[in-house]
Amino acid sequence: MKKYKKIPKIKNGHWLLGNISAVKDDPLHFYQESIKNYGDIFQFRIGHKKSIFINNPEYVKHILQKNSNSYSRHTGLAPLKDITGDALAVSDGEIWKKKRKLITPLFHKNKIEAYFDNIQGHIESKISDWDKTGEAWLFDSLSSVTLSVISDFTIGEGLEDEREKIENNLLRLFEIAFDRMKKGIPKWLPKTNQKEFNRLANGLNSIIESQIKRRESEEDIKEDLISMLLLASDSGNFKRSEIIGEILSIVLAGYETTSIASFRAIRYILSRPDILEKLKKEFETITKGQKLRLEHLSDFQYTTSIINESLRLSSVIWTIARESINNDVIDGYKIPKGTSIFISPFTMHRNIKYWENPNDFNPERFEKKIEHLYSFIPFGRGPRMCVGSTFSILEMKIIIYHIVMSGYKIMVPEKTKFHQTITLRPKMDVIITKNETKDQIMEREILYDFL
């Protein structure tokens, strides 16, 4: 009989529930402490379910790339399907392949770059609004910009009056879904907050349905997501009932992750005078005082390093979950069929074996090739890597350029707290201001607690 390596097992769990309490209360703390005690691979239980946590990039590569066909999306993502149905972000198998093939062309480089003027227009308009008072809440402003951009990209322009409703409904729906994911409520049990869930979902569905009907009445065919899905529906490749779920999925991913990532990058930049001055010099050297153009972005090398370092140190997506659908072996470790697999970009990006001084913000580390590609996974890797990653980076470059060159500044709190839902959302917003000194900012409340 073949001998396998033993995967370290966490011992201090409940005899029936396993480690569900620790995972539910603070999963990132649980991961970090377990890595210290057991290393980069360990096993634990959530109820009766065997789970394995992996913090080794070569093992991650095996799961996400080399043998990805042996791993499906985790069944714990089922509550998300109550919102999106079998959307690309949560589907598997032939359904996923079909949707990936249909949706990927929308995110082709040429399609994305065509939205340069749209993105630039939204951030310029927002900064113009700031100039009326000389200050604004940064994260709230970025959320407004990114939601407007992704709404235009997916379902077209003209939803300005619905922005607040879309944002509030989406965030609350995903909070409810994440709470259900953490609790692991079986499908056959009554679901919590179901009346509220239905009301919020119906509100979003009606907004998108009205856009679908409006688009169907137009003679011109536009090159946005809703038009593409309608064409696919007419040709029999896409069910009409799937359109709304797909749009909701992409809208949430497109605005939530980019607004959080931009917020954190700008916080790092504006809190470090040395980085700010180096970045300004790059912008001035490349643009030569002219208005920002699309072709400038590819030369923003230091900007790219800042974005990558921000994504490394402040991971937006903090966990990637898979489930083994076949028996597998990784470096001598046996992975039985039906095992839950958890990977955390947050902990991987702090692995001292691959990142020197991992808790320091140091953009220069990305000026050379990173030691292991799979030690940096802000958008995942492999065939299921986020389809919108290129769009997000493009948008972040434009946003960062305009905010840095606008002359606004912020007072950054010493510690940033995160709200662990599907993303790591900041708990507090900060004021961005043009006229006040740092001492003046400190004299009044500058933090807004989202919770």
Protein backbone atom coordinates (compact mmCIF):
# COMPACT_ATOMS: atom_id res chain seq x y z
CA MET A 1 0.00 0.00 0.00
CA LYS A 2 1.31 3.41 -0.98
CA LYS A 3 2.27 5.64 1.92
CA TYR A 4 1.24 9.27 1.89
CA LYS A 5 2.52 12.21 3.85
CA LYS A 6 0.41 13.13 6.85
CA ILE A 7 -1.36 16.45 6.66
CA PRO A 8 -1.10 18.21 10.06
CA LYS A 9 -4.48 18.19 11.78
CA ILE A 10 -5.85 20.95 14.00
CA LYS A 11 -6.79 19.26 17.23
CA ASN A 12 -8.67 21.85 19.27
CA GLY A 13 -12.10 21.49 17.71
CA HIS A 14 -15.57 20.47 18.88
CA TRP A 15 -16.19 16.70 18.72
CA LEU A 16 -19.24 17.25 16.48
CA LEU A 17 -18.91 20.70 14.93
CA GLY A 18 -15.15 20.61 14.42
CA ASN A 19 -13.56 24.07 13.95
CA ILE A 20 -16.68 25.79 12.66
CA SER A 21 -16.79 28.31 15.53
CA ALA A 22 -13.24 29.60 14.95
CA VAL A 23 -13.72 29.74 11.19
CA LYS A 24 -17.07 31.53 11.48
CA ASP A 25 -15.94 34.11 14.07
CA ASP A 26 -12.76 35.30 12.32
CA PRO A 27 -11.56 33.12 9.44
CA LEU A 28 -8.46 35.20 8.65
CA HIS A 29 -7.27 35.05 12.26
CA PHE A 30 -7.92 31.30 12.23
CA TYR A 31 -5.87 30.89 9.03
CA GLN A 32 -2.97 33.02 10.25
CA GLU A 33 -2.68 31.37 13.65
CA SER A 34 -2.95 27.89 12.15
CA ILE A 35 -0.17 28.66 9.65
CA LYS A 36 2.08 29.63 12.57
CA ASN A 37 1.30 26.40 14.39
CA TYR A 38 0.97 23.87 11.56
CA GLY A 39 2.70 25.25 8.47
CA ASP A 40 1.56 25.85 4.89
CA ILE A 41 -0.80 22.86 4.69
CA PHE A 42 -3.12 21.66 7.42
CA GLN A 43 -6.52 20.02 7.82
CA PHE A 44 -9.53 20.87 9.95
CA ARG A 45 -13.25 20.11 10.07
CA ILE A 46 -16.31 22.23 9.45
CA GLY A 47 -18.98 20.00 10.92
CA HIS A 48 -18.40 16.57 9.40
CA LYS A 49 -16.68 18.05 6.33
CA LYS A 50 -12.94 17.52 5.95
CA SER A 51 -11.21 20.73 4.90
CA ILE A 52 -7.62 21.47 3.90
CA PHE A 53 -5.97 24.90 3.92
CA ILE A 54 -3.08 25.51 1.52
CA ASN A 55 -0.52 28.32 1.64
CA ASN A 56 2.12 26.88 -0.71
CA PRO A 57 2.21 28.42 -4.23
CA GLU A 58 3.20 25.18 -5.94
CA TYR A 59 0.21 23.41 -4.37
CA VAL A 60 -2.00 26.33 -5.36
CA LYS A 61 -0.76 26.02 -8.94
CA HIS A 62 -1.68 22.34 -8.92
CA ILE A 63 -5.25 23.10 -7.81
CA LEU A 64 -5.94 26.22 -9.87
CA GLN A 65 -3.99 25.30 -13.01
CA LYS A 66 -2.31 21.92 -13.45
CA ASN A 67 -5.18 19.74 -12.23
CA SER A 68 -8.00 22.29 -12.13
CA ASN A 69 -10.43 19.82 -13.73
CA SER A 70 -10.35 17.80 -10.50
CA TYR A 71 -11.61 20.74 -8.45
CA SER A 72 -14.99 22.46 -8.64
CA ARG A 73 -16.31 25.63 -7.10
CA HIS A 74 -17.01 25.03 -3.45
CA THR A 75 -20.55 23.95 -2.57
CA GLY A 76 -20.51 26.63 0.14
CA LEU A 77 -20.99 29.19 -2.64
CA ALA A 78 -24.56 27.95 -3.11
CA PRO A 79 -26.10 31.00 -1.31
CA LEU A 80 -24.65 33.23 -4.02
CA LYS A 81 -26.64 31.33 -6.61
CA ASP A 82 -29.80 32.56 -4.87
CA ILE A 83 -28.77 35.97 -6.25
CA THR A 84 -27.01 35.25 -9.53
CA GLY A 85 -28.19 31.78 -10.56
CA ASP A 86 -25.54 29.84 -12.48
CA ALA A 87 -23.56 32.96 -13.39
CA LEU A 88 -20.00 32.65 -14.64
CA ALA A 89 -18.52 33.51 -11.23
CA VAL A 90 -20.23 30.57 -9.46
CA SER A 91 -20.84 27.98 -12.18
CA ASP A 92 -18.89 24.83 -13.07
CA GLY A 93 -18.43 22.24 -15.78
CA GLU A 94 -20.08 22.68 -19.17
CA ILE A 95 -22.20 25.61 -17.95
CA TRP A 96 -19.04 27.48 -16.92
CA LYS A 97 -17.26 26.66 -20.20
CA LYS A 98 -20.18 27.93 -22.26
CA LYS A 99 -20.47 31.16 -20.31
CA ARG A 100 -16.75 31.79 -20.23
CA LYS A 101 -16.64 31.44 -24.02
CA LEU A 102 -19.54 33.86 -24.46
CA ILE A 103 -18.43 36.51 -21.97
CA THR A 104 -14.63 36.56 -22.43
CA PRO A 105 -14.74 38.46 -25.78
CA LEU A 106 -16.45 41.38 -24.02
CA PHE A 107 -13.29 41.78 -21.91
CA HIS A 108 -10.90 41.68 -24.86
CA LYS A 109 -8.20 44.36 -24.65
CA ASN A 110 -9.68 46.39 -27.52
CA LYS A 111 -13.19 46.32 -26.00
CA ILE A 112 -11.89 47.43 -22.61
CA GLU A 113 -9.73 50.23 -23.99
CA ALA A 114 -12.77 51.61 -25.82
CA TYR A 115 -14.10 52.58 -22.36
CA PHE A 116 -11.09 54.78 -21.56
CA ASP A 117 -12.99 58.02 -22.20
CA ASN A 118 -15.97 56.77 -20.19
CA ILE A 119 -13.81 55.99 -17.14
CA GLN A 120 -11.88 59.23 -17.42
CA GLY A 121 -15.12 61.21 -17.74
CA HIS A 122 -16.57 59.69 -14.56
CA ILE A 123 -13.50 60.36 -12.38
CA GLU A 124 -13.07 63.89 -13.78
CA SER A 125 -16.73 64.62 -13.02
CA LYS A 126 -16.32 63.30 -9.47
CA ILE A 127 -13.25 65.42 -8.78
CA SER A 128 -15.14 68.42 -10.17
CA ASP A 129 -17.82 67.73 -7.55
CA TRP A 130 -15.13 67.59 -4.84
CA ASP A 131 -13.83 70.99 -5.94
CA LYS A 132 -17.17 72.61 -5.05
CA THR A 133 -16.52 72.02 -1.34
CA GLY A 134 -12.84 71.09 -1.33
CA GLU A 135 -13.43 67.72 0.31
CA ALA A 136 -15.26 64.40 0.03
CA TRP A 137 -15.52 60.90 1.47
CA LEU A 138 -12.98 58.92 -0.54
CA PHE A 139 -14.40 55.40 -0.53
CA ASP A 140 -17.95 56.57 -1.12
CA SER A 141 -16.74 58.60 -4.10
CA LEU A 142 -14.76 55.71 -5.56
CA SER A 143 -17.74 53.38 -5.16
CA SER A 144 -19.87 55.88 -7.08
CA VAL A 145 -17.33 56.09 -9.91
CA THR A 146 -16.72 52.36 -10.27
CA LEU A 147 -20.42 51.50 -10.09
CA SER A 148 -21.18 54.06 -12.80
CA VAL A 149 -18.41 52.66 -15.00
CA ILE A 150 -19.37 49.00 -14.67
CA SER A 151 -23.07 49.84 -15.08
CA ASP A 152 -22.30 51.63 -18.36
CA PHE A 153 -20.13 48.68 -19.41
CA THR A 154 -22.75 46.03 -18.69
CA ILE A 155 -26.20 47.56 -19.14
CA GLY A 156 -25.60 50.94 -20.70
CA GLU A 157 -25.87 54.53 -19.58
CA GLY A 158 -28.81 56.23 -17.92
CA LEU A 159 -28.88 54.58 -14.46
CA GLU A 160 -27.61 57.54 -12.43
CA ASP A 161 -30.86 57.82 -10.48
CA GLU A 162 -30.73 54.12 -9.54
CA ARG A 163 -27.07 54.01 -8.41
CA GLU A 164 -27.74 54.23 -4.68
CA LYS A 165 -30.47 51.59 -4.82
CA ILE A 166 -28.31 49.21 -6.87
CA GLU A 167 -25.36 49.62 -4.50
CA ASN A 168 -27.34 49.28 -1.27
CA ASN A 169 -29.37 46.30 -2.50
CA LEU A 170 -26.33 44.46 -3.85
CA LEU A 171 -24.24 44.93 -0.72
CA ARG A 172 -27.03 43.85 1.62
CA LEU A 173 -27.85 40.81 -0.54
CA PHE A 174 -24.25 39.67 -0.45
CA GLU A 175 -24.04 40.26 3.30
CA ILE A 176 -27.03 37.96 3.76
CA ALA A 177 -25.53 35.41 1.36
CA PHE A 178 -22.16 35.48 3.15
CA ASP A 179 -23.84 35.04 6.52
CA ARG A 180 -25.59 31.95 5.14
CA MET A 181 -22.28 30.68 3.75
CA LYS A 182 -20.57 31.03 7.14
CA LYS A 183 -23.39 29.26 8.95
CA GLY A 184 -23.54 26.47 6.39
CA ILE A 185 -27.34 26.33 6.49
CA PRO A 186 -28.62 23.27 4.57
CA LYS A 187 -30.89 23.92 1.58
CA TRP A 188 -33.84 22.20 3.23
CA LEU A 189 -33.85 24.52 6.30
CA PRO A 190 -35.74 27.86 6.27
CA LYS A 191 -33.39 30.64 5.21
CA THR A 192 -32.72 33.67 7.38
CA ASN A 193 -33.86 37.15 6.26
CA GLN A 194 -35.75 35.63 3.33
CA LYS A 195 -38.39 38.37 3.10
CA GLU A 196 -35.73 41.08 3.04
CA PHE A 197 -33.69 39.03 0.57
CA ASN A 198 -36.64 38.69 -1.80
CA ARG A 199 -37.48 42.39 -1.59
CA LEU A 200 -33.90 43.45 -2.40
CA ALA A 201 -33.51 40.90 -5.20
CA ASN A 202 -36.84 41.87 -6.77
CA GLY A 203 -35.80 45.54 -6.68
CA LEU A 204 -32.59 44.80 -8.61
CA ASN A 205 -34.34 42.48 -11.02
CA SER A 206 -36.88 45.16 -11.91
CA ILE A 207 -34.13 47.70 -12.67
CA ILE A 208 -32.33 45.31 -14.99
CA GLU A 209 -35.55 44.05 -16.56
CA SER A 210 -36.49 47.62 -17.48
CA GLN A 211 -33.09 48.04 -19.12
CA ILE A 212 -33.57 44.81 -21.08
CA LYS A 213 -36.95 45.96 -22.37
CA ARG A 214 -35.54 49.36 -23.29
CA ARG A 215 -32.67 47.74 -25.15
CA GLU A 216 -35.01 45.40 -27.03
CA SER A 217 -36.97 48.40 -28.29
CA GLU A 218 -33.86 50.08 -29.72
CA GLU A 219 -32.84 49.51 -33.31
CA ASP A 220 -29.11 50.08 -32.83
CA ILE A 221 -27.08 47.17 -31.43
CA LYS A 222 -24.64 48.32 -28.77
CA GLU A 223 -21.44 46.58 -27.68
CA ASP A 224 -22.18 46.15 -23.99
CA LEU A 225 -22.88 43.05 -21.94
CA ILE A 226 -26.66 43.26 -22.03
CA SER A 227 -26.69 43.48 -25.85
CA MET A 228 -24.32 40.54 -26.15
CA LEU A 229 -26.44 38.41 -23.81
CA LEU A 230 -29.61 39.31 -25.69
CA LEU A 231 -28.01 38.23 -28.95
CA ALA A 232 -26.89 34.98 -27.32
CA SER A 233 -30.41 34.49 -26.02
CA ASP A 234 -31.92 35.02 -29.46
CA SER A 235 -29.56 32.43 -30.95
CA GLY A 236 -30.46 29.87 -28.29
CA ASN A 237 -27.05 29.91 -26.54
CA PHE A 238 -28.25 31.74 -23.46
CA LYS A 239 -31.49 31.52 -21.52
CA ARG A 240 -33.33 34.77 -21.00
CA SER A 241 -33.62 33.94 -17.31
CA GLU A 242 -29.81 33.88 -17.00
CA ILE A 243 -29.25 37.44 -18.21
CA ILE A 244 -30.19 39.19 -14.96
CA GLY A 245 -28.01 36.94 -12.78
CA GLU A 246 -25.00 37.37 -15.04
CA ILE A 247 -25.33 41.14 -15.02
CA LEU A 248 -25.69 41.26 -11.22
CA SER A 249 -22.61 39.10 -10.80
CA ILE A 250 -20.41 41.23 -13.06
CA VAL A 251 -21.72 44.53 -11.72
CA LEU A 252 -20.94 43.54 -8.13
CA ALA A 253 -17.50 42.15 -8.95
CA GLY A 254 -16.67 45.07 -11.22
CA TYR A 255 -17.47 47.87 -8.82
CA GLU A 256 -16.90 46.38 -5.37
CA THR A 257 -13.42 44.97 -5.98
CA THR A 258 -12.15 47.95 -8.00
CA SER A 259 -13.43 50.55 -5.52
CA ILE A 260 -11.82 48.72 -2.59
CA ALA A 261 -8.53 48.19 -4.44
CA SER A 262 -8.41 51.84 -5.60
CA PHE A 263 -9.20 53.09 -2.10
CA ARG A 264 -6.35 51.16 -0.59
CA ALA A 265 -3.85 52.07 -3.29
CA ILE A 266 -4.66 55.78 -2.90
CA ARG A 267 -4.36 55.54 0.88
CA TYR A 268 -0.88 54.05 0.53
CA ILE A 269 0.19 56.66 -2.03
CA LEU A 270 -1.06 59.71 -0.15
CA SER A 271 0.40 58.53 3.15
CA ARG A 272 3.90 58.13 1.68
CA PRO A 273 5.44 61.42 0.40
CA ASP A 274 8.35 59.54 -1.22
CA ILE A 275 5.99 57.34 -3.25
CA LEU A 276 3.73 60.27 -4.09
CA GLU A 277 6.61 62.35 -5.49
CA LYS A 278 8.03 59.46 -7.51
CA LEU A 279 4.58 58.75 -8.94
CA LYS A 280 3.98 62.39 -9.84
CA LYS A 281 7.33 62.46 -11.62
CA GLU A 282 6.32 59.41 -13.68
CA PHE A 283 3.02 61.04 -14.65
CA GLU A 284 4.65 64.35 -15.59
CA THR A 285 7.45 62.69 -17.56
CA ILE A 286 5.10 60.53 -19.62
CA THR A 287 2.19 62.92 -20.21
CA LYS A 288 4.46 66.02 -20.65
CA GLY A 289 1.70 68.19 -19.22
CA GLN A 290 -0.87 67.02 -21.77
CA LYS A 291 -4.28 65.51 -21.02
CA LEU A 292 -4.08 61.82 -20.12
CA ARG A 293 -4.46 59.56 -23.14
CA LEU A 294 -4.91 55.82 -23.47
CA GLU A 295 -1.43 55.26 -24.88
CA HIS A 296 0.13 56.80 -21.75
CA LEU A 297 -1.14 54.02 -19.51
CA SER A 298 1.17 51.30 -20.84
CA ASP A 299 4.18 53.43 -19.82
CA PHE A 300 2.99 53.84 -16.22
CA GLN A 301 5.38 51.19 -14.90
CA TYR A 302 5.74 52.55 -11.36
CA THR A 303 1.97 52.95 -11.18
CA THR A 304 1.60 49.28 -12.08
CA SER A 305 4.06 48.33 -9.32
CA ILE A 306 2.07 50.39 -6.80
CA ILE A 307 -1.18 48.71 -7.85
CA ASN A 308 0.38 45.25 -7.60
CA GLU A 309 1.86 45.97 -4.18
CA SER A 310 -1.47 47.32 -2.95
CA LEU A 311 -3.25 44.21 -4.23
CA ARG A 312 -0.63 42.07 -2.51
CA LEU A 313 -0.74 43.75 0.88
CA SER A 314 -4.46 44.53 0.91
CA SER A 315 -6.11 41.60 -0.81
CA VAL A 316 -9.68 42.38 -1.83
CA ILE A 317 -10.68 38.73 -2.27
CA TRP A 318 -9.40 37.00 0.85
CA THR A 319 -10.32 33.38 0.18
CA ILE A 320 -10.61 31.02 -2.79
CA ALA A 321 -12.59 27.84 -2.14
CA ARG A 322 -12.64 24.63 -4.14
CA GLU A 323 -13.92 21.09 -3.66
CA SER A 324 -12.13 17.99 -4.94
CA ILE A 325 -14.34 16.01 -7.33
CA ASN A 326 -11.72 13.26 -7.77
CA ASN A 327 -9.12 11.67 -5.54
CA ASP A 328 -5.85 13.54 -5.96
CA VAL A 329 -2.28 13.64 -4.65
CA ILE A 330 -0.30 16.86 -4.13
CA ASP A 331 3.39 16.43 -3.33
CA GLY A 332 2.70 13.16 -1.54
CA TYR A 333 -0.37 14.42 0.31
CA LYS A 334 -3.57 12.51 -0.40
CA ILE A 335 -6.59 14.68 -1.20
CA PRO A 336 -9.74 12.50 -1.01
CA LYS A 337 -12.73 13.18 -3.22
CA GLY A 338 -15.18 15.56 -1.54
CA THR A 339 -12.53 17.49 0.42
CA SER A 340 -12.97 21.24 0.83
CA ILE A 341 -9.89 23.23 -0.19
CA PHE A 342 -9.24 26.77 1.05
CA ILE A 343 -6.62 29.16 -0.34
CA SER A 344 -6.19 32.70 0.97
CA PRO A 345 -4.56 35.43 -1.13
CA PHE A 346 -4.32 37.41 2.13
CA THR A 347 -2.02 34.85 3.78
CA MET A 348 -0.25 33.80 0.56
CA HIS A 349 0.75 37.40 -0.06
CA ARG A 350 2.35 37.47 3.42
CA ASN A 351 4.24 34.20 3.15
CA ILE A 352 7.77 35.06 4.33
CA LYS A 353 9.22 32.28 2.18
CA TYR A 354 8.32 34.26 -0.95
CA TRP A 355 8.01 37.88 0.23
CA GLU A 356 10.77 39.77 2.02
CA ASN A 357 9.40 41.97 4.82
CA PRO A 358 5.86 41.03 3.72
CA ASN A 359 4.07 43.57 5.92
CA ASP A 360 5.92 46.53 4.38
CA PHE A 361 4.43 48.49 1.48
CA ASN A 362 7.24 48.38 -1.08
CA PRO A 363 6.22 48.85 -4.74
CA GLU A 364 9.83 48.39 -5.87
CA ARG A 365 9.56 44.66 -5.14
CA PHE A 366 7.48 44.37 -8.34
CA GLU A 367 10.18 45.98 -10.48
CA LYS A 368 11.78 42.55 -10.69
CA LYS A 369 10.26 39.16 -11.42
CA ILE A 370 8.48 37.65 -8.43
CA GLU A 371 9.89 34.36 -7.15
CA HIS A 372 6.77 32.26 -7.78
CA LEU A 373 3.86 33.35 -9.98
CA TYR A 374 1.33 31.61 -7.74
CA SER A 375 2.53 33.46 -4.65
CA PHE A 376 0.65 36.46 -6.11
CA ILE A 377 -3.00 35.64 -6.74
CA PRO A 378 -5.13 38.80 -6.32
CA PHE A 379 -7.40 37.72 -9.21
CA GLY A 380 -6.85 33.98 -8.82
CA ARG A 381 -4.93 32.05 -11.48
CA GLY A 382 -5.56 29.38 -14.08
CA PRO A 383 -8.58 28.96 -16.33
CA ARG A 384 -10.93 30.46 -13.72
CA MET A 385 -8.86 33.62 -13.22
CA CYS A 386 -11.08 36.71 -12.97
CA VAL A 387 -12.22 37.63 -16.46
CA GLY A 388 -12.32 41.34 -15.57
CA SER A 389 -8.80 41.73 -14.13
CA THR A 390 -7.46 43.74 -17.09
CA PHE A 391 -10.46 46.09 -16.93
CA SER A 392 -9.91 46.63 -13.21
CA ILE A 393 -6.22 47.50 -13.61
CA LEU A 394 -6.99 49.91 -16.46
CA GLU A 395 -9.63 51.64 -14.36
CA MET A 396 -7.36 51.87 -11.33
CA LYS A 397 -4.57 53.52 -13.35
CA ILE A 398 -6.94 56.23 -14.60
CA ILE A 399 -8.43 56.84 -11.15
CA ILE A 400 -5.03 57.01 -9.44
CA TYR A 401 -3.63 59.39 -12.05
CA HIS A 402 -6.46 61.89 -11.69
CA ILE A 403 -6.60 61.83 -7.88
CA VAL A 404 -2.83 62.16 -7.49
CA MET A 405 -2.64 65.04 -9.97
CA SER A 406 -5.68 66.77 -8.42
CA GLY A 407 -3.67 67.76 -5.33
CA TYR A 408 -6.03 66.24 -2.76
CA LYS A 409 -4.65 64.69 0.42
CA ILE A 410 -5.91 62.50 3.24
CA MET A 411 -5.13 61.76 6.84
CA VAL A 412 -4.72 58.00 7.06
CA PRO A 413 -5.61 56.13 10.26
CA GLU A 414 -2.76 54.07 11.69
CA LYS A 415 -4.67 50.83 11.36
CA THR A 416 -7.27 49.83 8.83
CA LYS A 417 -9.99 47.43 9.91
CA PHE A 418 -11.73 45.16 7.43
CA HIS A 419 -15.26 43.88 7.23
CA GLN A 420 -14.98 40.22 6.23
CA THR A 421 -17.72 39.36 3.80
CA ILE A 422 -17.05 38.00 0.33
CA THR A 423 -14.51 40.82 0.02
CA LEU A 424 -12.36 42.59 2.61
CA ARG A 425 -14.29 45.84 2.68
CA PRO A 426 -12.89 48.77 4.71
CA LYS A 427 -14.92 49.45 7.83
CA MET A 428 -14.09 53.15 7.75
CA ASP A 429 -14.02 55.82 5.08
CA VAL A 430 -11.62 58.78 5.13
CA ILE A 431 -12.03 62.39 4.09
CA ILE A 432 -10.04 63.57 1.10
CA THR A 433 -9.38 67.30 1.15
CA LYS A 434 -7.63 69.98 -0.87
CA ASN A 435 -7.59 73.00 1.41
CA GLU A 436 -6.93 71.83 4.97
CA THR A 437 -3.60 71.04 6.57
CA LYS A 438 -3.05 67.71 8.30
CA ASP A 439 -3.35 69.43 11.70
CA GLN A 440 -6.72 70.89 10.73
CA ILE A 441 -7.95 67.49 9.58
CA MET A 442 -6.87 65.92 12.86
CA GLU A 443 -8.88 68.48 14.83
CA ARG A 444 -12.18 67.05 13.62
CA GLU A 445 -13.65 63.63 13.00
CA ILE A 446 -12.36 62.26 9.70
CA LEU A 447 -13.48 58.66 9.93
CA TYR A 448 -16.84 57.33 8.97
CA ASP A 449 -17.68 53.88 10.33
CA PHE A 450 -19.59 51.90 7.71
CA LEU A 451 -20.93 49.56 10.36
